[in-house]
Amino acid sequence: MSASKQALEFVKYILDQICETKEAIELNQTKDEMGVLISIKVAESDMGKLIGKQGQTISAIRTLVRIMGARENERINLKVLEPSK
């Protein structure tokens, strides 16, 4: 399994554990010359849990995902999208 696929599954697992509104979780993966970008969209009520105090939670998830990519020489980044109302 590729690092980007593993990272996507990892992020999905983490979001399932953090978020209360599981049906609102959306993950999109795009690949270009810069690497892999995983876009995350969650319910507005779960944004605080995802970002964490002073951004520590999302920062930790980003670090882990980058390490997963670096092990196979892939650049993987996360982007949190604003929830639509």
Protein backbone atom coordinates (compact mmCIF):
# COMPACT_ATOMS: atom_id res chain seq x y z
CA MET A 1 0.00 0.00 0.00
CA SER A 2 1.36 3.45 -0.89
CA ALA A 3 2.19 6.03 1.75
CA SER A 4 -0.54 8.39 0.54
CA LYS A 5 -3.18 5.65 0.82
CA GLN A 6 -1.95 4.75 4.30
CA ALA A 7 -2.01 8.42 5.31
CA LEU A 8 -5.57 8.83 4.02
CA GLU A 9 -6.73 5.78 6.01
CA PHE A 10 -4.88 7.06 9.08
CA VAL A 11 -6.51 10.51 8.86
CA LYS A 12 -9.93 8.89 8.37
CA TYR A 13 -9.41 6.76 11.47
CA ILE A 14 -8.31 9.76 13.57
CA LEU A 15 -11.29 11.84 12.43
CA ASP A 16 -13.68 8.98 13.22
CA GLN A 17 -12.31 8.98 16.79
CA ILE A 18 -12.34 12.77 17.28
CA CYS A 19 -15.56 13.89 15.57
CA GLU A 20 -19.06 13.39 16.88
CA THR A 21 -20.79 14.10 13.53
CA LYS A 22 -19.20 11.28 11.53
CA GLU A 23 -21.49 11.65 8.51
CA ALA A 24 -20.17 15.19 7.90
CA ILE A 25 -16.54 14.03 7.49
CA GLU A 26 -15.27 14.52 3.94
CA LEU A 27 -11.78 13.61 2.75
CA ASN A 28 -10.41 14.38 -0.70
CA GLN A 29 -6.99 13.43 -1.96
CA THR A 30 -5.31 15.16 -4.90
CA LYS A 31 -1.88 14.58 -6.34
CA ASP A 32 0.21 17.03 -8.35
CA GLU A 33 3.87 17.95 -8.89
CA MET A 34 4.10 19.31 -5.32
CA GLY A 35 2.98 16.02 -3.77
CA VAL A 36 -0.22 14.74 -2.22
CA LEU A 37 -2.80 17.04 -0.64
CA ILE A 38 -5.44 15.63 1.68
CA SER A 39 -8.34 18.05 2.19
CA ILE A 40 -10.41 17.64 5.35
CA LYS A 41 -13.94 18.94 5.88
CA VAL A 42 -15.83 18.31 9.13
CA ALA A 43 -18.97 19.69 10.76
CA GLU A 44 -18.71 23.16 12.26
CA SER A 45 -19.30 21.72 15.73
CA ASP A 46 -16.25 19.44 15.35
CA MET A 47 -13.82 22.10 14.09
CA GLY A 48 -12.62 22.97 17.59
CA LYS A 49 -11.83 19.34 18.36
CA LEU A 50 -9.97 18.89 15.08
CA ILE A 51 -7.86 22.01 15.47
CA GLY A 52 -7.31 21.64 19.20
CA LYS A 53 -5.99 24.11 21.72
CA GLN A 54 -3.68 26.55 19.89
CA GLY A 55 -3.73 24.22 16.87
CA GLN A 56 -1.88 21.41 18.62
CA THR A 57 -4.14 18.57 17.46
CA ILE A 58 -4.06 19.39 13.74
CA SER A 59 -0.35 20.15 13.98
CA ALA A 60 0.31 16.72 15.46
CA ILE A 61 -1.77 15.00 12.76
CA ARG A 62 0.10 16.95 10.05
CA THR A 63 3.45 15.92 11.53
CA LEU A 64 2.50 12.24 11.62
CA VAL A 65 1.18 12.32 8.04
CA ARG A 66 4.36 14.02 6.78
CA ILE A 67 6.47 11.36 8.49
CA MET A 68 4.40 8.63 6.82
CA GLY A 69 5.10 10.24 3.45
CA ALA A 70 8.78 10.88 4.14
CA ARG A 71 9.36 7.18 4.76
CA GLU A 72 8.60 6.57 1.06
CA ASN A 73 9.92 9.90 -0.31
CA GLU A 74 6.45 11.38 -0.80
CA ARG A 75 5.27 14.85 0.23
CA ILE A 76 1.91 14.67 1.97
CA ASN A 77 0.14 17.77 3.28
CA LEU A 78 -3.17 18.34 5.05
CA LYS A 79 -5.59 21.19 4.45
CA VAL A 80 -8.59 21.88 6.67
CA LEU A 81 -11.48 23.39 4.72
CA GLU A 82 -14.01 25.82 6.22
CA PRO A 83 -17.33 24.13 6.95
CA SER A 84 -20.20 25.27 4.75
CA LYS A 85 -23.26 26.52 6.57
